[in-house]
Structure formats: structure tokens, C-alpha cells
Amino acid sequence: MEVDREIDTRGLNCPLPILKAKKSLNDMASGQLLKVVSTDPGSVRDFQAFARQTGNELMAQETVGSDFIHVLKRR
């Protein structure tokens, strides 16, 4: 999956990964993809709720080692 922007929120806990993702998405064009890398296990459900509430599409979520990777599509 080709992403347009990637942010590293490793070491940050809720709500910082969501806030940083929201700020990045605001600077992106509709349809662009944002990849967020987090180490917060709670980020899995947080990004699911964030996508539902904001209308941005959660394209993928995966766990790689201790990293939780989320890919959002800008609405």
C-alpha cells in the first residue's frame, strides 16, 4: 500500500497518537493515505473509533512486533 505521509508516534500514549494523526490529516488532500506507527496497544481501538467519528476510512491495521500500524484514508 502506497502511503502519502507517515508519522511515528512510538512512545506516546492516548490521546497523542490520535491528535498527531488528526493534525496530519488536516494538512492532507482528500483520498490521501496516512500511516501511523504507535506502540500504544490502546491505539487499535482508538483509531477504530476515530475513523467512525470523523468519517476518515481506516484502511488497515496490523501489529508488527511491538508496533501497531494504522493506515487512514483522508475523507
PDB file of N, CA and C in Angstrom:
ATOM      1  N   MET A   1       0.844  -1.172   0.000  1.00  0.00           N
ATOM      2  CA  MET A   1       0.000   0.000   0.000  1.00  0.00           C
ATOM      3  C   MET A   1       0.895   1.244   0.000  1.00  0.00           C
ATOM      4  N   GLU A   2       0.687   2.110  -0.945  1.00  0.00           N
ATOM      5  CA  GLU A   2       1.494   3.330  -1.087  1.00  0.00           C
ATOM      6  C   GLU A   2       0.876   4.437  -0.227  1.00  0.00           C
ATOM      7  N   VAL A   3       1.600   4.865   0.813  1.00  0.00           N
ATOM      8  CA  VAL A   3       1.082   5.920   1.684  1.00  0.00           C
ATOM      9  C   VAL A   3       1.674   7.267   1.279  1.00  0.00           C
ATOM     10  N   ASP A   4       0.913   8.325   1.544  1.00  0.00           N
ATOM     11  CA  ASP A   4       1.356   9.683   1.195  1.00  0.00           C
ATOM     12  C   ASP A   4       2.157  10.330   2.316  1.00  0.00           C
ATOM     13  N   ARG A   5       1.880   9.921   3.555  1.00  0.00           N
ATOM     14  CA  ARG A   5       2.580  10.501   4.698  1.00  0.00           C
ATOM     15  C   ARG A   5       2.627   9.458   5.811  1.00  0.00           C
ATOM     16  N   GLU A   6       3.715   9.480   6.573  1.00  0.00           N
ATOM     17  CA  GLU A   6       3.862   8.561   7.706  1.00  0.00           C
ATOM     18  C   GLU A   6       4.273   9.347   8.928  1.00  0.00           C
ATOM     19  N   ILE A   7       3.637   9.050  10.057  1.00  0.00           N
ATOM     20  CA  ILE A   7       4.045   9.683  11.312  1.00  0.00           C
ATOM     21  C   ILE A   7       4.386   8.603  12.327  1.00  0.00           C
ATOM     22  N   ASP A   8       5.396   8.873  13.120  1.00  0.00           N
ATOM     23  CA  ASP A   8       5.876   7.949  14.139  1.00  0.00           C
ATOM     24  C   ASP A   8       5.436   8.471  15.501  1.00  0.00           C
ATOM     25  N   THR A   9       4.525   7.744  16.147  1.00  0.00           N
ATOM     26  CA  THR A   9       4.055   8.154  17.472  1.00  0.00           C
ATOM     27  C   THR A   9       4.497   7.142  18.535  1.00  0.00           C
ATOM     28  N   ARG A  10       5.556   6.387  18.235  1.00  0.00           N
ATOM     29  CA  ARG A  10       6.061   5.413  19.205  1.00  0.00           C
ATOM     30  C   ARG A  10       6.448   6.110  20.501  1.00  0.00           C
ATOM     31  N   GLY A  11       6.067   5.482  21.610  1.00  0.00           N
ATOM     32  CA  GLY A  11       6.380   6.037  22.923  1.00  0.00           C
ATOM     33  C   GLY A  11       5.330   7.002  23.444  1.00  0.00           C
ATOM     34  N   LEU A  12       4.373   7.375  22.606  1.00  0.00           N
ATOM     35  CA  LEU A  12       3.309   8.290  23.021  1.00  0.00           C
ATOM     36  C   LEU A  12       2.052   7.500  23.369  1.00  0.00           C
ATOM     37  N   ASN A  13       1.359   7.931  24.406  1.00  0.00           N
ATOM     38  CA  ASN A  13       0.119   7.270  24.808  1.00  0.00           C
ATOM     39  C   ASN A  13      -1.081   8.133  24.466  1.00  0.00           C
ATOM     40  N   CYS A  14      -2.239   7.502  24.500  1.00  0.00           N
ATOM     41  CA  CYS A  14      -3.509   8.165  24.198  1.00  0.00           C
ATOM     42  C   CYS A  14      -3.609   9.450  25.016  1.00  0.00           C
ATOM     43  N   PRO A  15      -4.046  10.536  24.451  1.00  0.00           N
ATOM     44  CA  PRO A  15      -4.609  10.698  23.109  1.00  0.00           C
ATOM     45  C   PRO A  15      -3.617  11.227  22.075  1.00  0.00           C
ATOM     46  N   LEU A  16      -2.329  11.259  22.395  1.00  0.00           N
ATOM     47  CA  LEU A  16      -1.364  11.904  21.491  1.00  0.00           C
ATOM     48  C   LEU A  16      -1.290  11.294  20.089  1.00  0.00           C
ATOM     49  N   PRO A  17      -1.290   9.964  19.919  1.00  0.00           N
ATOM     50  CA  PRO A  17      -1.269   9.443  18.539  1.00  0.00           C
ATOM     51  C   PRO A  17      -2.462   9.924  17.704  1.00  0.00           C
ATOM     52  N   ILE A  18      -3.639   9.972  18.323  1.00  0.00           N
ATOM     53  CA  ILE A  18      -4.846  10.447  17.623  1.00  0.00           C
ATOM     54  C   ILE A  18      -4.709  11.933  17.280  1.00  0.00           C
ATOM     55  N   LEU A  19      -4.235  12.721  18.228  1.00  0.00           N
ATOM     56  CA  LEU A  19      -4.099  14.166  17.987  1.00  0.00           C
ATOM     57  C   LEU A  19      -3.105  14.450  16.869  1.00  0.00           C
ATOM     58  N   LYS A  20      -1.996  13.723  16.846  1.00  0.00           N
ATOM     59  CA  LYS A  20      -0.999  13.917  15.793  1.00  0.00           C
ATOM     60  C   LYS A  20      -1.555  13.465  14.433  1.00  0.00           C
ATOM     61  N   ALA A  21      -2.324  12.376  14.431  1.00  0.00           N
ATOM     62  CA  ALA A  21      -2.942  11.903  13.190  1.00  0.00           C
ATOM     63  C   ALA A  21      -3.955  12.924  12.679  1.00  0.00           C
ATOM     64  N   LYS A  22      -4.743  13.467  13.586  1.00  0.00           N
ATOM     65  CA  LYS A  22      -5.753  14.464  13.205  1.00  0.00           C
ATOM     66  C   LYS A  22      -5.084  15.687  12.574  1.00  0.00           C
ATOM     67  N   LYS A  23      -3.990  16.151  13.192  1.00  0.00           N
ATOM     68  CA  LYS A  23      -3.269  17.310  12.668  1.00  0.00           C
ATOM     69  C   LYS A  23      -2.705  17.012  11.269  1.00  0.00           C
ATOM     70  N   SER A  24      -2.135  15.830  11.087  1.00  0.00           N
ATOM     71  CA  SER A  24      -1.586  15.455   9.779  1.00  0.00           C
ATOM     72  C   SER A  24      -2.682  15.354   8.727  1.00  0.00           C
ATOM     73  N   LEU A  25      -3.802  14.723   9.086  1.00  0.00           N
ATOM     74  CA  LEU A  25      -4.908  14.565   8.134  1.00  0.00           C
ATOM     75  C   LEU A  25      -5.452  15.920   7.684  1.00  0.00           C
ATOM     76  N   ASN A  26      -5.463  16.890   8.591  1.00  0.00           N
ATOM     77  CA  ASN A  26      -5.962  18.228   8.239  1.00  0.00           C
ATOM     78  C   ASN A  26      -5.117  18.889   7.159  1.00  0.00           C
ATOM     79  N   ASP A  27      -3.847  18.500   7.063  1.00  0.00           N
ATOM     80  CA  ASP A  27      -2.937  19.076   6.062  1.00  0.00           C
ATOM     81  C   ASP A  27      -2.883  18.264   4.771  1.00  0.00           C
ATOM     82  N   MET A  28      -3.709  17.217   4.687  1.00  0.00           N
ATOM     83  CA  MET A  28      -3.664  16.323   3.530  1.00  0.00           C
ATOM     84  C   MET A  28      -4.900  16.513   2.648  1.00  0.00           C
ATOM     85  N   ALA A  29      -4.772  16.104   1.387  1.00  0.00           N
ATOM     86  CA  ALA A  29      -5.885  16.196   0.444  1.00  0.00           C
ATOM     87  C   ALA A  29      -6.788  14.976   0.577  1.00  0.00           C
ATOM     88  N   SER A  30      -8.020  15.127   0.172  1.00  0.00           N
ATOM     89  CA  SER A  30      -8.982  14.033   0.207  1.00  0.00           C
ATOM     90  C   SER A  30      -8.454  12.843  -0.590  1.00  0.00           C
ATOM     91  N   GLY A  31      -8.555  11.644  -0.006  1.00  0.00           N
ATOM     92  CA  GLY A  31      -8.112  10.433  -0.681  1.00  0.00           C
ATOM     93  C   GLY A  31      -6.682  10.028  -0.386  1.00  0.00           C
ATOM     94  N   GLN A  32      -5.902  10.928   0.231  1.00  0.00           N
ATOM     95  CA  GLN A  32      -4.522  10.576   0.549  1.00  0.00           C
ATOM     96  C   GLN A  32      -4.477   9.632   1.752  1.00  0.00           C
ATOM     97  N   LEU A  33      -3.384   8.853   1.839  1.00  0.00           N
ATOM     98  CA  LEU A  33      -3.236   7.865   2.903  1.00  0.00           C
ATOM     99  C   LEU A  33      -2.192   8.303   3.923  1.00  0.00           C
ATOM    100  N   LEU A  34      -2.556   8.120   5.197  1.00  0.00           N
ATOM    101  CA  LEU A  34      -1.671   8.434   6.319  1.00  0.00           C
ATOM    102  C   LEU A  34      -1.377   7.150   7.081  1.00  0.00           C
ATOM    103  N   LYS A  35      -0.091   6.881   7.290  1.00  0.00           N
ATOM    104  CA  LYS A  35       0.331   5.716   8.083  1.00  0.00           C
ATOM    105  C   LYS A  35       0.788   6.220   9.445  1.00  0.00           C
ATOM    106  N   VAL A  36       0.236   5.626  10.501  1.00  0.00           N
ATOM    107  CA  VAL A  36       0.607   5.990  11.867  1.00  0.00           C
ATOM    108  C   VAL A  36       1.217   4.764  12.534  1.00  0.00           C
ATOM    109  N   VAL A  37       2.422   4.919  13.071  1.00  0.00           N
ATOM    110  CA  VAL A  37       3.086   3.836  13.798  1.00  0.00           C
ATOM    111  C   VAL A  37       3.056   4.199  15.279  1.00  0.00           C
ATOM    112  N   SER A  38       2.505   3.293  16.090  1.00  0.00           N
ATOM    113  CA  SER A  38       2.329   3.540  17.514  1.00  0.00           C
ATOM    114  C   SER A  38       2.790   2.341  18.321  1.00  0.00           C
ATOM    115  N   THR A  39       3.128   2.565  19.594  1.00  0.00           N
ATOM    116  CA  THR A  39       3.441   1.459  20.494  1.00  0.00           C
ATOM    117  C   THR A  39       2.364   1.318  21.563  1.00  0.00           C
ATOM    118  N   ASP A  40       1.328   2.131  21.492  1.00  0.00           N
ATOM    119  CA  ASP A  40       0.239   2.108  22.466  1.00  0.00           C
ATOM    120  C   ASP A  40      -0.794   1.056  22.059  1.00  0.00           C
ATOM    121  N   PRO A  41      -0.942  -0.035  22.846  1.00  0.00           N
ATOM    122  CA  PRO A  41      -1.916  -1.073  22.487  1.00  0.00           C
ATOM    123  C   PRO A  41      -3.344  -0.534  22.383  1.00  0.00           C
ATOM    124  N   GLY A  42      -3.654   0.509  23.133  1.00  0.00           N
ATOM    125  CA  GLY A  42      -4.982   1.107  23.083  1.00  0.00           C
ATOM    126  C   GLY A  42      -5.264   1.831  21.778  1.00  0.00           C
ATOM    127  N   SER A  43      -4.203   2.070  20.994  1.00  0.00           N
ATOM    128  CA  SER A  43      -4.387   2.796  19.737  1.00  0.00           C
ATOM    129  C   SER A  43      -5.229   2.003  18.740  1.00  0.00           C
ATOM    130  N   VAL A  44      -5.265   0.677  18.869  1.00  0.00           N
ATOM    131  CA  VAL A  44      -6.054  -0.137  17.935  1.00  0.00           C
ATOM    132  C   VAL A  44      -7.529   0.275  18.015  1.00  0.00           C
ATOM    133  N   ARG A  45      -8.092   0.261  19.225  1.00  0.00           N
ATOM    134  CA  ARG A  45      -9.499   0.658  19.350  1.00  0.00           C
ATOM    135  C   ARG A  45      -9.679   2.166  19.186  1.00  0.00           C
ATOM    136  N   ASP A  46      -8.668   2.939  19.601  1.00  0.00           N
ATOM    137  CA  ASP A  46      -8.764   4.397  19.465  1.00  0.00           C
ATOM    138  C   ASP A  46      -8.899   4.804  17.997  1.00  0.00           C
ATOM    139  N   PHE A  47      -8.107   4.200  17.113  1.00  0.00           N
ATOM    140  CA  PHE A  47      -8.172   4.566  15.696  1.00  0.00           C
ATOM    141  C   PHE A  47      -9.447   4.058  15.038  1.00  0.00           C
ATOM    142  N   GLN A  48      -9.985   2.942  15.524  1.00  0.00           N
ATOM    143  CA  GLN A  48     -11.271   2.467  15.005  1.00  0.00           C
ATOM    144  C   GLN A  48     -12.366   3.480  15.335  1.00  0.00           C
ATOM    145  N   ALA A  49     -12.381   3.950  16.574  1.00  0.00           N
ATOM    146  CA  ALA A  49     -13.371   4.939  16.999  1.00  0.00           C
ATOM    147  C   ALA A  49     -13.156   6.276  16.285  1.00  0.00           C
ATOM    148  N   PHE A  50     -11.904   6.684  16.137  1.00  0.00           N
ATOM    149  CA  PHE A  50     -11.575   7.940  15.458  1.00  0.00           C
ATOM    150  C   PHE A  50     -12.098   7.926  14.020  1.00  0.00           C
ATOM    151  N   ALA A  51     -11.892   6.818  13.323  1.00  0.00           N
ATOM    152  CA  ALA A  51     -12.357   6.713  11.934  1.00  0.00           C
ATOM    153  C   ALA A  51     -13.880   6.805  11.863  1.00  0.00           C
ATOM    154  N   ARG A  52     -14.559   6.104  12.767  1.00  0.00           N
ATOM    155  CA  ARG A  52     -16.035   6.164  12.797  1.00  0.00           C
ATOM    156  C   ARG A  52     -16.528   7.585  13.046  1.00  0.00           C
ATOM    157  N   GLN A  53     -15.900   8.274  13.980  1.00  0.00           N
ATOM    158  CA  GLN A  53     -16.358   9.606  14.387  1.00  0.00           C
ATOM    159  C   GLN A  53     -16.042  10.691  13.370  1.00  0.00           C
ATOM    160  N   THR A  54     -14.956  10.536  12.621  1.00  0.00           N
ATOM    161  CA  THR A  54     -14.520  11.612  11.729  1.00  0.00           C
ATOM    162  C   THR A  54     -14.874  11.387  10.266  1.00  0.00           C
ATOM    163  N   GLY A  55     -15.229  10.152   9.905  1.00  0.00           N
ATOM    164  CA  GLY A  55     -15.543   9.866   8.507  1.00  0.00           C
ATOM    165  C   GLY A  55     -14.325   9.529   7.665  1.00  0.00           C
ATOM    166  N   ASN A  56     -13.133   9.546   8.280  1.00  0.00           N
ATOM    167  CA  ASN A  56     -11.940   9.072   7.576  1.00  0.00           C
ATOM    168  C   ASN A  56     -11.995   7.549   7.573  1.00  0.00           C
ATOM    169  N   GLU A  57     -11.483   6.927   6.509  1.00  0.00           N
ATOM    170  CA  GLU A  57     -11.577   5.477   6.388  1.00  0.00           C
ATOM    171  C   GLU A  57     -10.330   4.800   6.949  1.00  0.00           C
ATOM    172  N   LEU A  58     -10.542   3.819   7.835  1.00  0.00           N
ATOM    173  CA  LEU A  58      -9.447   3.030   8.368  1.00  0.00           C
ATOM    174  C   LEU A  58      -9.180   1.915   7.369  1.00  0.00           C
ATOM    175  N   MET A  59      -8.105   2.053   6.598  1.00  0.00           N
ATOM    176  CA  MET A  59      -7.806   1.124   5.509  1.00  0.00           C
ATOM    177  C   MET A  59      -7.158  -0.163   6.008  1.00  0.00           C
ATOM    178  N   ALA A  60      -6.326  -0.067   7.047  1.00  0.00           N
ATOM    179  CA  ALA A  60      -5.608  -1.248   7.537  1.00  0.00           C
ATOM    180  C   ALA A  60      -5.123  -1.020   8.957  1.00  0.00           C
ATOM    181  N   GLN A  61      -5.025  -2.120   9.684  1.00  0.00           N
ATOM    182  CA  GLN A  61      -4.391  -2.120  11.000  1.00  0.00           C
ATOM    183  C   GLN A  61      -3.600  -3.416  11.100  1.00  0.00           C
ATOM    184  N   GLU A  62      -2.377  -3.324  11.596  1.00  0.00           N
ATOM    185  CA  GLU A  62      -1.595  -4.537  11.801  1.00  0.00           C
ATOM    186  C   GLU A  62      -0.624  -4.337  12.954  1.00  0.00           C
ATOM    187  N   THR A  63      -0.224  -5.446  13.540  1.00  0.00           N
ATOM    188  CA  THR A  63       0.746  -5.431  14.625  1.00  0.00           C
ATOM    189  C   THR A  63       2.024  -6.071  14.109  1.00  0.00           C
ATOM    190  N   VAL A  64       3.134  -5.340  14.229  1.00  0.00           N
ATOM    191  CA  VAL A  64       4.444  -5.846  13.813  1.00  0.00           C
ATOM    192  C   VAL A  64       5.371  -5.702  15.021  1.00  0.00           C
ATOM    193  N   GLY A  65       5.648  -6.818  15.671  1.00  0.00           N
ATOM    194  CA  GLY A  65       6.449  -6.765  16.889  1.00  0.00           C
ATOM    195  C   GLY A  65       5.694  -5.979  17.947  1.00  0.00           C
ATOM    196  N   SER A  66       6.310  -4.922  18.452  1.00  0.00           N
ATOM    197  CA  SER A  66       5.642  -4.090  19.465  1.00  0.00           C
ATOM    198  C   SER A  66       4.992  -2.849  18.843  1.00  0.00           C
ATOM    199  N   ASP A  67       4.992  -2.779  17.516  1.00  0.00           N
ATOM    200  CA  ASP A  67       4.401  -1.628  16.821  1.00  0.00           C
ATOM    201  C   ASP A  67       2.983  -1.944  16.342  1.00  0.00           C
ATOM    202  N   PHE A  68       2.127  -0.957  16.488  1.00  0.00           N
ATOM    203  CA  PHE A  68       0.761  -1.038  15.963  1.00  0.00           C
ATOM    204  C   PHE A  68       0.689  -0.049  14.807  1.00  0.00           C
ATOM    205  N   ILE A  69       0.351  -0.557  13.623  1.00  0.00           N
ATOM    206  CA  ILE A  69       0.368   0.261  12.414  1.00  0.00           C
ATOM    207  C   ILE A  69      -1.063   0.484  11.931  1.00  0.00           C
ATOM    208  N   HIS A  70      -1.384   1.737  11.683  1.00  0.00           N
ATOM    209  CA  HIS A  70      -2.728   2.127  11.247  1.00  0.00           C
ATOM    210  C   HIS A  70      -2.593   2.921   9.952  1.00  0.00           C
ATOM    211  N   VAL A  71      -3.451   2.640   8.993  1.00  0.00           N
ATOM    212  CA  VAL A  71      -3.450   3.397   7.742  1.00  0.00           C
ATOM    213  C   VAL A  71      -4.841   3.997   7.575  1.00  0.00           C
ATOM    214  N   LEU A  72      -4.875   5.315   7.494  1.00  0.00           N
ATOM    215  CA  LEU A  72      -6.132   6.059   7.359  1.00  0.00           C
ATOM    216  C   LEU A  72      -6.195   6.736   6.003  1.00  0.00           C
ATOM    217  N   LYS A  73      -7.383   6.753   5.430  1.00  0.00           N
ATOM    218  CA  LYS A  73      -7.618   7.458   4.169  1.00  0.00           C
ATOM    219  C   LYS A  73      -8.403   8.729   4.466  1.00  0.00           C
ATOM    220  N   ARG A  74      -7.842   9.853   4.063  1.00  0.00           N
ATOM    221  CA  ARG A  74      -8.460  11.163   4.310  1.00  0.00           C
ATOM    222  C   ARG A  74      -9.795  11.255   3.592  1.00  0.00           C
ATOM    223  N   ARG A  75     -10.810  11.682   4.309  1.00  0.00           N
ATOM    224  CA  ARG A  75     -12.151  11.815   3.712  1.00  0.00           C
ATOM    225  C   ARG A  75     -12.216  12.975   2.758  1.00  0.00           C
TER     226      ARG A  75
END
